[in-house]
Amino acid sequence: MQQTKEHPKYKFEYAVHDPYTGDVKEQWESRDGDAVKGSYSLKEADGGTRTVEYHADKHNGFVAVVKKAGGHSKPEITYHGAKPHY
């Protein structure tokens, strides 16, 4: 029996904006073979928004950039993952 390699491919997105609870979040992601990319964001308790943009593939592994805007803390950007190839 011969196995065939499948090429996974998908896209999805969703969002929640609930004025009653204050729950606000969004996410999208796409995959084409071994390459995945996406982003998600959420409103935090301090009123700020945290956004994570990420991508992953077999060459670079998982890489994420975390951004925080607004709220009661100073803006920050945090980089997670393999060292960038500039």
Protein backbone atom coordinates (compact mmCIF):
# COMPACT_ATOMS: atom_id res chain seq x y z
CA MET A 1 0.00 0.00 0.00
CA GLN A 2 1.50 3.33 -1.06
CA GLN A 3 0.97 6.37 1.14
CA THR A 4 0.46 9.78 -0.40
CA LYS A 5 1.74 12.93 1.22
CA GLU A 6 -0.99 15.43 1.80
CA HIS A 7 -0.40 19.15 1.49
CA PRO A 8 -2.31 20.76 4.38
CA LYS A 9 -3.88 24.07 3.50
CA TYR A 10 -6.43 26.14 5.41
CA LYS A 11 -7.50 29.64 6.45
CA PHE A 12 -9.69 30.69 9.34
CA GLU A 13 -10.61 33.76 11.32
CA TYR A 14 -12.93 34.72 14.13
CA ALA A 15 -13.75 37.69 16.31
CA VAL A 16 -15.64 38.37 19.53
CA HIS A 17 -16.84 41.87 20.46
CA ASP A 18 -19.15 41.57 23.46
CA PRO A 19 -20.11 44.99 24.86
CA TYR A 20 -21.85 43.41 27.87
CA THR A 21 -18.77 41.52 29.19
CA GLY A 22 -16.10 43.67 27.54
CA ASP A 23 -14.64 40.57 25.87
CA VAL A 24 -12.86 41.71 22.71
CA LYS A 25 -10.58 39.38 20.75
CA GLU A 26 -9.73 38.44 17.19
CA GLN A 27 -7.67 35.76 15.49
CA TRP A 28 -6.77 34.66 11.99
CA GLU A 29 -4.43 31.95 10.76
CA SER A 30 -3.48 30.39 7.45
CA ARG A 31 -1.43 27.36 6.55
CA ASP A 32 0.05 26.26 3.25
CA GLY A 33 2.05 23.07 3.61
CA ASP A 34 4.57 23.51 6.42
CA ALA A 35 4.22 27.32 6.54
CA VAL A 36 1.81 28.80 9.10
CA LYS A 37 1.16 32.47 9.75
CA GLY A 38 -1.36 34.33 11.83
CA SER A 39 -2.21 36.94 14.39
CA TYR A 40 -4.39 37.27 17.45
CA SER A 41 -5.27 40.18 19.68
CA LEU A 42 -7.23 40.67 22.87
CA LYS A 43 -8.35 43.49 25.11
CA GLU A 44 -6.68 43.16 28.51
CA ALA A 45 -8.04 44.08 31.94
CA ASP A 46 -6.05 47.35 32.01
CA GLY A 47 -7.77 48.51 28.81
CA GLY A 48 -4.76 47.87 26.59
CA THR A 49 -4.61 45.57 23.59
CA ARG A 50 -2.09 42.76 23.26
CA THR A 51 -1.38 41.59 19.70
CA VAL A 52 0.69 38.56 18.75
CA GLU A 53 1.82 38.14 15.14
CA TYR A 54 3.46 34.81 14.37
CA HIS A 55 4.74 32.55 11.66
CA ALA A 56 6.29 29.11 11.61
CA ASP A 57 7.98 26.91 9.06
CA LYS A 58 10.49 24.07 9.08
CA HIS A 59 13.40 26.41 8.33
CA ASN A 60 12.83 29.10 11.01
CA GLY A 61 10.67 27.28 13.56
CA PHE A 62 8.09 29.31 15.48
CA VAL A 63 8.60 33.10 15.57
CA ALA A 64 6.27 35.50 17.38
CA VAL A 65 6.24 39.25 17.91
CA VAL A 66 4.16 40.44 20.88
CA LYS A 67 2.94 44.05 20.96
CA LYS A 68 1.10 45.88 23.74
CA ALA A 69 -0.67 49.19 23.15
CA GLY A 70 -2.75 51.40 25.40
CA GLY A 71 -3.78 50.61 28.93
CA HIS A 72 -1.89 51.59 32.05
CA SER A 73 1.52 50.29 31.08
CA LYS A 74 4.13 51.60 28.67
CA PRO A 75 4.10 50.19 25.09
CA GLU A 76 6.25 47.14 24.61
CA ILE A 77 7.33 44.89 21.77
CA THR A 78 8.73 41.44 22.56
CA TYR A 79 10.30 39.11 20.01
CA HIS A 80 10.17 35.33 20.50
CA GLY A 81 11.71 32.68 18.31
CA ALA A 82 14.68 32.15 16.08
CA LYS A 83 17.08 35.01 15.46
CA PRO A 84 15.87 37.06 12.48
CA HIS A 85 17.76 36.67 9.20
CA TYR A 86 18.45 40.24 8.15
